[in-house]
Protein backbone atom coordinates (compact mmCIF):
# COMPACT_ATOMS: atom_id res chain seq x y z
CA MET A 1 -0.12 -0.09 0.10
CA TYR A 2 1.43 3.47 -0.98
CA LEU A 3 0.67 7.08 -0.63
CA LEU A 4 1.39 9.88 -3.05
CA GLY A 5 2.74 13.34 -1.95
CA ILE A 6 2.75 16.41 -4.19
CA ASP A 7 4.77 19.43 -3.17
CA LEU A 8 3.98 22.55 -5.30
CA GLY A 9 7.04 24.65 -4.73
CA THR A 10 8.08 27.92 -6.16
CA SER A 11 10.87 26.61 -8.11
CA SER A 12 9.57 23.26 -9.22
CA ILE A 13 7.02 20.26 -8.27
CA LYS A 14 8.30 17.49 -6.22
CA VAL A 15 6.43 14.25 -5.72
CA ALA A 16 7.10 11.28 -3.80
CA VAL A 17 5.59 7.72 -2.93
CA VAL A 18 5.73 6.31 0.51
CA ASP A 19 5.32 2.63 1.61
CA VAL A 20 2.59 2.79 4.34
CA ALA A 21 4.37 -0.19 6.10
CA THR A 22 7.94 1.41 6.43
CA GLN A 23 6.61 5.06 6.25
CA LYS A 24 9.97 5.55 4.01
CA LYS A 25 10.01 6.95 0.56
CA VAL A 26 9.99 4.34 -2.44
CA ALA A 27 10.44 6.90 -5.13
CA THR A 28 10.62 10.48 -5.78
CA ALA A 29 10.71 12.87 -8.89
CA GLN A 30 11.06 16.54 -9.52
CA TYR A 31 9.68 18.49 -12.58
CA PRO A 32 10.95 20.43 -14.26
CA GLU A 33 14.64 20.02 -13.80
CA ALA A 34 15.18 23.69 -14.54
CA GLU A 35 13.96 26.29 -11.87
CA THR A 36 10.41 27.79 -12.77
CA ALA A 37 10.55 31.29 -13.47
CA ILE A 38 8.66 34.02 -11.55
CA LYS A 39 6.92 36.70 -13.74
CA SER A 40 7.59 40.24 -12.52
CA LEU A 41 5.67 42.58 -14.60
CA GLN A 42 6.37 45.49 -12.12
CA LEU A 43 9.15 45.81 -9.50
CA GLY A 44 7.82 44.09 -6.47
CA TRP A 45 5.21 41.91 -8.31
CA ALA A 46 5.53 38.15 -8.52
CA GLU A 47 3.06 35.78 -10.56
CA GLN A 48 3.07 32.23 -11.90
CA SER A 49 0.72 30.28 -13.96
CA PRO A 50 -1.63 27.93 -12.19
CA ASN A 51 -2.07 25.95 -15.44
CA ASP A 52 1.68 25.79 -15.62
CA TRP A 53 1.72 24.22 -12.16
CA TRP A 54 -1.07 21.69 -13.13
CA LEU A 55 0.88 20.56 -16.37
CA ASN A 56 4.09 20.17 -14.24
CA VAL A 57 2.20 18.27 -11.45
CA GLN A 58 1.19 15.69 -14.19
CA GLN A 59 4.43 15.24 -15.76
CA ALA A 60 6.32 14.80 -12.14
CA VAL A 61 3.70 12.06 -11.46
CA LEU A 62 4.15 10.39 -14.78
CA LYS A 63 7.87 10.62 -14.27
CA LEU A 64 7.75 9.19 -10.94
CA ASN A 65 5.53 6.10 -12.16
CA ALA A 66 8.25 5.67 -14.83
CA SER A 67 10.69 4.62 -11.99
CA ASP A 68 9.04 1.23 -11.82
CA LEU A 69 9.68 1.14 -8.25
CA PHE A 70 6.16 0.66 -7.41
CA ASP A 71 2.51 -0.25 -8.75
CA PRO A 72 0.80 3.15 -9.31
CA LYS A 73 -2.62 1.40 -8.85
CA GLU A 74 -1.59 0.45 -5.20
CA ILE A 75 -1.59 4.37 -4.21
CA LYS A 76 -4.49 4.66 -1.78
CA ALA A 77 -4.55 8.37 -1.18
CA ILE A 78 -2.86 11.62 -2.22
CA GLY A 79 -1.60 14.58 -0.15
CA ILE A 80 -0.64 18.13 -1.20
CA ALA A 81 1.64 20.70 0.08
CA TYR A 82 2.10 23.97 -1.58
CA GLN A 83 3.54 27.47 -1.54
CA MET A 84 1.68 29.69 0.99
CA HIS A 85 -0.35 32.90 0.60
CA GLY A 86 -0.80 32.74 -3.10
CA LEU A 87 -4.03 33.79 -4.81
CA VAL A 88 -5.76 31.54 -7.25
CA VAL A 89 -8.95 32.74 -8.81
CA VAL A 90 -11.42 30.75 -11.11
CA ASP A 91 -14.78 31.14 -12.80
CA GLN A 92 -17.92 28.80 -12.48
CA ASN A 93 -16.37 26.50 -15.10
CA GLN A 94 -13.12 26.20 -12.97
CA GLU A 95 -11.28 28.16 -15.55
CA VAL A 96 -8.18 30.13 -14.22
CA LEU A 97 -9.06 34.07 -14.56
CA ARG A 98 -5.46 35.53 -14.23
CA ASP A 99 -2.00 34.39 -13.11
CA SER A 100 -1.55 33.63 -9.50
CA ILE A 101 -0.34 36.50 -7.29
CA ILE A 102 2.26 34.41 -5.20
CA TRP A 103 3.70 34.60 -1.77
CA CYS A 104 6.42 37.10 -2.42
CA ASP A 105 4.44 39.60 -4.47
CA SER A 106 4.60 42.93 -2.67
CA ARG A 107 1.70 44.75 -4.44
CA ALA A 108 -0.89 44.56 -1.58
CA VAL A 109 1.29 45.94 1.34
CA GLU A 110 -0.43 49.40 1.40
CA LEU A 111 -3.96 47.88 1.28
CA GLY A 112 -2.89 45.69 4.28
CA LYS A 113 -1.52 48.45 6.16
CA ASN A 114 -4.95 50.45 5.46
CA ALA A 115 -6.90 47.21 6.71
CA PHE A 116 -4.72 47.05 9.82
CA ASP A 117 -5.67 50.67 10.57
CA SER A 118 -9.15 50.42 9.72
CA ILE A 119 -10.11 47.30 11.61
CA GLY A 120 -7.85 48.35 14.57
CA HIS A 121 -4.38 46.87 15.50
CA ASP A 122 -5.81 45.57 18.80
CA GLN A 123 -8.89 44.08 17.08
CA SER A 124 -6.69 42.41 14.37
CA LEU A 125 -4.11 41.01 16.37
CA LYS A 126 -6.55 39.48 19.06
CA HIS A 127 -8.65 37.96 16.40
CA LEU A 128 -6.56 37.36 13.21
CA LEU A 129 -3.32 37.08 15.26
CA ASN A 130 -1.71 39.16 12.60
CA SER A 131 -1.98 42.17 10.43
CA PRO A 132 -3.94 41.68 6.99
CA GLY A 133 -0.68 42.62 5.69
CA ASN A 134 0.34 41.39 2.42
CA PHE A 135 -1.53 38.13 2.40
CA THR A 136 -3.96 36.52 0.31
CA ALA A 137 -7.08 38.47 1.40
CA SER A 138 -5.19 41.31 0.58
CA LYS A 139 -4.22 40.32 -2.76
CA LEU A 140 -7.97 39.49 -3.59
CA ALA A 141 -8.56 43.06 -2.62
CA TRP A 142 -6.03 44.36 -5.01
CA VAL A 143 -7.78 42.27 -7.75
CA LYS A 144 -11.02 43.82 -6.82
CA ALA A 145 -9.60 47.51 -6.77
CA ASN A 146 -7.64 47.11 -9.84
CA GLU A 147 -8.96 44.52 -12.24
CA PRO A 148 -12.93 44.77 -11.60
CA GLU A 149 -13.93 42.99 -14.77
CA THR A 150 -11.95 40.02 -13.63
CA TYR A 151 -13.23 40.11 -10.14
CA LYS A 152 -16.76 40.16 -11.35
CA LYS A 153 -15.96 36.85 -12.88
CA ILE A 154 -14.67 34.98 -9.82
CA ASP A 155 -16.70 32.18 -8.49
CA LYS A 156 -14.16 30.86 -5.99
CA MET A 157 -10.70 32.15 -4.63
CA MET A 158 -8.33 29.73 -3.32
CA LEU A 159 -4.77 28.82 -2.41
CA PRO A 160 -2.36 27.07 -4.66
CA GLY A 161 -2.80 23.64 -3.22
CA ASP A 162 -6.63 24.11 -3.41
CA PHE A 163 -6.20 24.55 -7.04
CA ILE A 164 -4.20 21.27 -7.75
CA ALA A 165 -6.77 19.39 -5.53
CA MET A 166 -9.70 20.98 -7.68
CA LYS A 167 -7.81 19.77 -10.91
CA LEU A 168 -7.38 16.17 -9.69
CA THR A 169 -11.01 15.88 -8.14
CA GLY A 170 -13.25 18.66 -9.68
CA GLU A 171 -14.01 19.86 -5.95
CA ILE A 172 -13.02 23.09 -4.21
CA THR A 173 -12.57 22.88 -0.56
CA THR A 174 -10.37 24.90 1.93
CA SER A 175 -9.42 24.42 5.79
CA ILE A 176 -8.99 26.60 8.85
CA SER A 177 -5.23 26.37 8.44
CA ALA A 178 -5.43 27.66 4.72
CA LEU A 179 -7.91 30.42 5.57
CA SER A 180 -5.52 31.44 8.62
CA GLU A 181 -2.65 31.73 6.05
CA GLY A 182 -4.80 34.01 4.04
CA ILE A 183 -5.72 36.18 7.18
CA LEU A 184 -9.25 35.22 6.69
CA TRP A 185 -9.88 33.34 9.94
CA ASP A 186 -11.10 34.72 13.11
CA PHE A 187 -9.46 32.65 15.88
CA LYS A 188 -11.14 34.27 18.74
CA ASN A 189 -14.57 33.73 17.30
CA HIS A 190 -13.71 30.71 15.54
CA GLU A 191 -15.18 31.80 12.27
CA ILE A 192 -14.48 33.13 8.71
CA SER A 193 -13.33 36.87 9.51
CA LYS A 194 -16.09 39.39 9.36
CA ASP A 195 -13.87 42.22 9.75
CA VAL A 196 -11.72 41.33 6.74
CA LEU A 197 -14.52 40.57 4.61
CA SER A 198 -16.34 43.66 5.56
CA HIS A 199 -13.47 45.93 5.28
CA TYR A 200 -12.48 44.80 1.74
CA GLY A 201 -16.10 44.12 0.55
CA ILE A 202 -15.42 40.55 -0.20
CA ASP A 203 -18.50 38.25 -0.59
CA GLU A 204 -18.01 35.06 1.65
CA GLN A 205 -19.54 32.95 -1.22
CA LEU A 206 -16.05 33.29 -2.88
CA ILE A 207 -14.47 31.19 0.00
CA PRO A 208 -14.60 27.55 -0.68
CA ALA A 209 -16.32 25.04 1.78
CA VAL A 210 -14.23 24.70 4.93
CA LYS A 211 -13.24 21.13 5.63
CA PRO A 212 -10.85 19.33 8.23
CA LEU A 213 -7.19 19.68 6.99
CA PHE A 214 -6.87 15.72 7.52
CA SER A 215 -9.95 14.57 5.47
CA ALA A 216 -11.24 13.85 1.98
CA HIS A 217 -10.94 16.95 -0.02
CA GLY A 218 -12.49 15.18 -3.16
CA HIS A 219 -11.94 11.93 -4.92
CA LEU A 220 -9.65 11.37 -8.12
CA LYS A 221 -11.53 12.06 -11.41
CA THR A 222 -11.88 9.09 -13.77
CA ASN A 223 -10.25 10.63 -16.58
CA ILE A 224 -7.47 12.03 -14.43
CA ALA A 225 -6.81 8.82 -12.89
CA ALA A 226 -6.55 7.19 -16.48
CA SER A 227 -4.03 9.96 -17.68
CA LEU A 228 -1.87 9.51 -14.53
CA GLY A 229 -2.03 5.71 -14.14
CA LEU A 230 -3.74 5.87 -10.85
CA THR A 231 -6.75 4.32 -9.42
CA ALA A 232 -10.14 6.40 -9.76
CA GLY A 233 -11.78 7.62 -6.74
CA ILE A 234 -8.77 7.44 -4.17
CA PRO A 235 -9.20 10.56 -1.90
CA VAL A 236 -7.15 13.88 -1.86
CA ALA A 237 -7.00 13.49 2.01
CA TYR A 238 -4.59 16.31 3.10
CA LYS A 239 -3.70 19.78 1.93
CA SER A 240 -1.46 21.96 3.59
CA GLY A 241 0.88 25.19 3.28
CA ASP A 242 4.36 24.30 2.91
CA GLN A 243 5.75 25.56 6.19
CA PRO A 244 3.02 23.67 8.41
CA ASN A 245 3.47 20.72 6.09
CA ASN A 246 7.37 20.76 6.61
CA ALA A 247 6.80 20.97 10.33
CA LEU A 248 4.56 17.68 10.04
CA SER A 249 7.26 16.14 7.72
CA LEU A 250 9.76 16.56 10.56
CA ASN A 251 7.40 15.29 13.45
CA VAL A 252 7.06 18.83 14.82
CA LEU A 253 3.50 18.79 16.24
CA LYS A 254 3.73 19.74 19.88
CA PRO A 255 4.07 23.22 21.55
CA GLY A 256 7.67 24.03 22.08
CA GLU A 257 8.89 22.00 18.78
CA VAL A 258 10.49 24.00 15.99
CA ALA A 259 11.22 23.28 12.43
CA ALA A 260 13.37 25.19 9.92
CA THR A 261 13.71 25.10 6.07
CA ALA A 262 15.77 26.94 3.74
CA GLY A 263 14.48 26.63 0.09
CA THR A 264 13.49 29.50 -1.97
CA SER A 265 12.32 31.25 0.97
CA GLY A 266 13.80 30.50 4.54
CA VAL A 267 11.57 29.62 7.49
CA ILE A 268 11.54 29.02 11.25
CA TYR A 269 8.31 27.51 12.51
CA GLY A 270 7.64 27.04 16.11
CA VAL A 271 4.36 25.44 17.52
CA SER A 272 2.69 27.05 20.29
CA GLY A 273 -0.28 25.95 22.47
CA ASP A 274 -1.55 29.73 22.68
CA LEU A 275 -3.02 32.17 20.47
CA THR A 276 0.11 34.32 20.36
CA TYR A 277 1.12 37.23 18.04
CA ASP A 278 3.73 39.63 17.55
CA LYS A 279 2.48 43.27 18.06
CA GLN A 280 4.32 44.46 14.86
CA SER A 281 3.45 41.18 12.74
CA ARG A 282 6.96 40.68 12.08
CA VAL A 283 6.52 36.94 12.42
CA ASN A 284 3.11 35.61 11.96
CA THR A 285 0.94 33.09 13.60
CA PHE A 286 -1.39 30.57 11.63
CA ALA A 287 -3.25 27.44 12.56
CA HIS A 288 -1.00 24.39 12.76
CA VAL A 289 -2.01 21.19 11.06
CA THR A 290 -3.17 19.81 14.40
CA TYR A 291 -5.24 22.91 15.24
CA SER A 292 -8.79 22.40 16.50
CA ALA A 293 -11.28 24.38 18.42
CA GLU A 294 -10.23 22.28 21.47
CA LYS A 295 -6.60 21.98 20.93
CA LYS A 296 -5.33 25.72 19.52
CA HIS A 297 -1.97 24.75 18.23
CA THR A 298 -0.64 27.47 16.23
CA GLY A 299 2.36 27.71 13.97
CA VAL A 300 4.45 30.87 14.65
CA LEU A 301 6.21 31.68 11.43
CA LEU A 302 9.25 33.56 10.57
CA CYS A 303 9.60 34.05 6.91
CA ILE A 304 12.91 35.33 4.81
CA ASN A 305 11.98 35.78 1.30
CA GLY A 306 15.59 36.06 -0.07
CA THR A 307 17.30 32.73 1.07
CA GLY A 308 17.48 30.16 -1.98
CA SER A 309 16.47 32.79 -4.23
CA MET A 310 19.56 34.90 -3.24
CA TYR A 311 21.88 31.94 -3.62
CA ARG A 312 20.26 31.10 -7.11
CA TRP A 313 20.93 34.71 -8.15
CA ALA A 314 24.53 34.50 -7.00
CA LYS A 315 25.11 31.15 -8.77
CA HIS A 316 23.42 32.62 -12.16
CA THR A 317 25.35 35.87 -11.75
CA PHE A 318 28.92 34.72 -10.74
CA ALA A 319 29.12 30.80 -11.62
CA PRO A 320 26.34 29.97 -13.89
CA LEU A 321 28.17 26.81 -15.24
CA SER A 322 28.72 25.43 -11.74
CA THR A 323 26.50 23.09 -9.63
CA TYR A 324 25.39 24.14 -6.11
CA ALA A 325 27.50 21.39 -4.75
CA GLN A 326 30.57 22.76 -6.40
CA LEU A 327 29.55 26.41 -4.98
CA ASN A 328 29.31 24.80 -1.60
CA ILE A 329 32.83 23.59 -1.84
CA LEU A 330 33.97 26.95 -2.94
CA ALA A 331 32.04 28.60 0.15
CA ALA A 332 34.32 26.49 2.37
CA GLU A 333 37.51 27.61 1.03
CA ALA A 334 36.92 31.29 2.51
CA PRO A 335 37.49 31.92 6.11
CA ILE A 336 34.55 32.75 8.83
CA GLY A 337 33.34 36.15 7.99
CA SER A 338 34.26 35.90 4.25
CA ASN A 339 37.30 38.28 4.62
CA GLY A 340 34.82 41.23 5.65
CA LEU A 341 32.45 40.88 2.73
CA LYS A 342 28.80 41.14 3.76
CA VAL A 343 25.63 40.24 2.00
CA LEU A 344 21.98 41.80 2.86
CA PRO A 345 19.73 39.02 1.17
CA PHE A 346 16.62 40.88 1.10
CA GLY A 347 16.03 41.14 -2.91
CA ASN A 348 12.94 39.02 -3.31
CA GLY A 349 10.07 41.35 -2.13
CA ALA A 350 8.97 43.17 1.05
CA GLU A 351 10.25 41.34 4.22
CA ARG A 352 7.55 40.82 6.92
CA MET A 353 10.18 40.55 9.79
CA LEU A 354 11.42 44.02 8.51
CA ASN A 355 7.89 45.37 8.85
CA ASN A 356 7.15 44.85 5.16
CA LYS A 357 10.17 47.01 3.89
CA TYR A 358 11.84 46.37 0.67
CA THR A 359 15.52 46.99 0.98
CA GLY A 360 16.98 45.04 -2.11
CA ALA A 361 19.85 42.75 -1.82
CA GLN A 362 23.17 44.14 -1.27
CA LEU A 363 26.80 43.02 -1.38
CA LEU A 364 28.93 45.36 1.03
CA ASP A 365 32.43 46.37 1.59
CA ILE A 366 33.86 44.47 -1.66
CA ASP A 367 37.59 44.61 -1.84
CA LEU A 368 38.55 44.25 -5.67
CA ASN A 369 42.00 43.07 -4.63
CA THR A 370 40.74 40.61 -1.88
CA HIS A 371 37.62 39.10 -2.46
CA SER A 372 37.14 36.08 -4.76
CA GLN A 373 34.05 33.74 -5.70
CA SER A 374 34.90 31.72 -2.47
CA ASP A 375 34.08 35.02 -0.49
CA ILE A 376 31.15 35.74 -2.35
CA PHE A 377 29.49 32.26 -1.99
CA ARG A 378 30.47 32.01 1.59
CA ALA A 379 29.22 35.84 2.30
CA VAL A 380 25.92 34.82 0.57
CA GLN A 381 25.26 31.88 2.99
CA GLU A 382 26.41 33.70 6.04
CA GLY A 383 24.04 36.61 5.07
CA ILE A 384 21.24 34.17 4.81
CA ALA A 385 22.20 32.62 8.25
CA PHE A 386 22.56 35.97 9.81
CA SER A 387 19.06 36.80 8.52
CA PHE A 388 17.61 33.72 10.43
CA ARG A 389 19.33 34.77 13.57
CA TYR A 390 17.77 38.28 13.18
CA GLY A 391 14.28 36.83 12.75
CA LEU A 392 14.92 34.10 15.62
CA ASP A 393 15.59 36.80 18.18
CA ILE A 394 11.97 38.39 17.13
CA MET A 395 10.53 34.98 17.79
CA ARG A 396 12.62 35.02 21.20
CA GLU A 397 10.92 38.34 21.99
CA ASN A 398 7.64 36.70 21.64
CA GLY A 399 8.33 33.77 24.03
CA MET A 400 9.71 31.34 21.52
CA GLU A 401 12.71 29.70 23.07
CA PRO A 402 13.80 26.56 20.92
CA LYS A 403 16.24 24.22 22.43
CA VAL A 404 16.92 22.26 19.17
CA ILE A 405 15.75 22.97 15.56
CA ARG A 406 14.68 20.18 13.28
CA ALA A 407 15.39 20.47 9.60
CA GLY A 408 15.33 18.25 6.35
CA LEU A 409 18.78 17.70 4.57
CA ALA A 410 17.87 19.56 1.62
CA ASN A 411 18.26 22.94 -0.14
CA LEU A 412 20.93 25.11 1.82
CA PHE A 413 21.12 22.63 4.55
CA LEU A 414 23.25 20.56 2.10
CA SER A 415 25.80 23.19 2.46
CA GLU A 416 27.98 22.40 5.28
CA VAL A 417 29.00 26.09 5.73
CA PHE A 418 25.55 27.23 5.69
CA ALA A 419 24.36 24.55 8.17
CA GLN A 420 27.23 24.98 10.72
CA THR A 421 27.03 28.79 10.31
CA PHE A 422 23.26 28.67 11.12
CA VAL A 423 23.90 26.65 14.19
CA ASP A 424 26.90 28.86 15.18
CA VAL A 425 25.02 32.18 14.88
CA THR A 426 21.79 31.00 16.50
CA GLY A 427 23.46 29.08 19.04
CA ILE A 428 20.95 26.26 18.80
CA PRO A 429 21.63 22.60 17.61
CA VAL A 430 20.19 21.41 14.58
CA GLU A 431 18.80 17.84 13.86
CA LEU A 432 18.85 16.74 10.15
CA TYR A 433 16.36 14.43 8.81
CA GLU A 434 15.62 12.75 5.45
CA ASN A 435 11.97 13.86 5.08
CA ASP A 436 11.07 16.52 2.83
CA GLY A 437 7.72 18.27 1.96
CA SER A 438 6.42 15.50 -0.61
CA ILE A 439 7.22 12.87 1.88
CA GLY A 440 5.34 14.93 4.57
CA ALA A 441 2.36 15.43 2.15
CA ALA A 442 2.23 11.53 1.31
CA LEU A 443 2.23 10.84 5.08
CA GLY A 444 -0.32 13.57 5.84
CA SER A 445 -2.59 11.90 3.17
CA GLY A 446 -2.30 8.47 5.17
CA ILE A 447 -3.67 10.36 8.35
CA GLY A 448 -6.51 12.12 6.49
CA ALA A 449 -7.70 8.75 4.89
CA GLY A 450 -7.53 6.87 8.18
CA ILE A 451 -4.56 4.58 7.00
CA PHE A 452 -2.87 6.01 10.19
CA SER A 453 -4.72 6.46 13.26
CA SER A 454 -2.90 9.54 14.26
CA ALA A 455 0.00 11.85 13.11
CA GLU A 456 2.08 10.14 15.89
CA GLU A 457 1.54 6.73 14.16
CA ALA A 458 2.55 8.20 10.89
CA PHE A 459 6.09 8.96 12.26
CA THR A 460 6.90 5.88 14.24
CA ASN A 461 9.99 5.16 11.96
CA HIS A 462 11.31 9.12 12.14
CA GLU A 463 15.07 9.05 12.50
CA VAL A 464 17.69 11.84 13.02
CA ILE A 465 20.32 11.58 10.32
CA LYS A 466 22.82 13.86 11.80
CA THR A 467 22.93 16.53 14.48
CA LEU A 468 25.18 19.57 14.50
CA SER A 469 26.01 21.66 17.63
CA PRO A 470 27.62 25.09 17.88
CA LYS A 471 31.32 25.51 17.78
CA ASN A 472 32.17 28.79 16.30
CA SER A 473 29.65 30.80 18.20
CA ALA A 474 32.28 33.22 19.73
CA ALA A 475 33.96 34.01 16.33
CA TYR A 476 30.51 34.68 14.64
CA GLU A 477 28.88 36.84 17.24
CA PRO A 478 30.80 40.25 16.42
CA ILE A 479 30.57 39.56 12.83
CA TYR A 480 26.84 38.93 13.33
CA GLN A 481 26.62 42.11 15.40
CA ASP A 482 28.29 44.24 12.73
CA TRP A 483 25.93 42.85 10.14
CA ARG A 484 22.98 43.60 12.18
CA ILE A 485 23.95 47.43 12.85
CA ILE A 486 24.35 47.81 9.16
CA LEU A 487 20.85 46.16 8.26
CA GLU A 488 19.16 48.53 10.81
CA LYS A 489 20.82 51.58 9.49
CA GLN A 490 19.53 50.62 6.06
CA LEU A 491 16.02 50.39 7.81
CA THR A 492 16.02 53.77 9.35
CA GLU A 493 17.36 55.60 6.04
């Protein structure tokens, strides 16, 4: 018996098949091999085509099946993880009306600020746990204000994972966790937010039916099953934003447990047992996958837009023919502190932890007679790690005090320089695991389909691959403090 997980990322689609008996991946695939482009029609905008996502999902599943490592007909459930906060809108025929405004798009920042002021800061924070900010509801409000003809045609608004589930099943659903990431959920009243809908003039009919996150969100259509070699009628039994799903995949389920990821964006995600919030909304609180009316488990999320995206830019600019593994070797040749070269990696949209400011990415203190490729790639990795420390200190202000952080052995955590710098500058040990988002989505579908009796049962074979402990913290602390002073000076100019 197998489970299929689909991870709709910004760069590509990753899929995995997991054996129910062992809870281990049997096969995995990615499509496309090249990184998916982000359309930026204006500065600060970021869009992708939902129809391209769907084409890529199909190709990824077919590529997975071609491995011949499993019988696709034995897949019993499908789970979906997806890039958070994106907006997809469809008409009554389930046709996409415009490209998705994705997570790192900054166009709705001012609308969110106005909503925060109009609804009231205290009211917003106590009920939404966040400012409306630059999240999905504000993106929909931007469409309403700037593309009224498109807005009139909308039958349903949804998040990226909802769209993929719709294509698989023909049904459109959402969950409390999904609504919370769009800043559409009133935690205090346990209902869709009347404040946000009223302020933006959004009709509640545009919001899909709300279902439990671990449940059947529809069943695989016959024609889609035939084209993908799967069994018709199997459920899409789990949908989650990529960061709550990453936490699930790392067995981060209980208050006090913390996960991290460093893909296109960088995230630290800690589970809380309370309805906590940051008064400035620099870190954000959403409903965790285990959230319920009785068990108010929330995820406190620090997001840094410019992590993998910053490293990708550096690769394409300074060493386009090299692999990331080769760049990691180069980075290891430079000393701690990169011979004084510094990087602010904030060039991928407005940063929430910087109060939704957009500073742009910067390379500072370049010495043309000293610095080489090694210094550049180490400085980029150090700058990203410093950004994590800056955000973690905000989380600490809000009562999150992790003793250990769990991460998947993937993306930037594949670099020994980055992983050790992250540990040294934060002062927190990191446990590395094999699981990734697609594996987590597969296991999540097993929970939603009742194949596993609980989330705990789905992770009985969860094992640490490697643990990293701080060893260069004293050397990094003054370097980090110099970096922090430079950043904060930029923010006040």
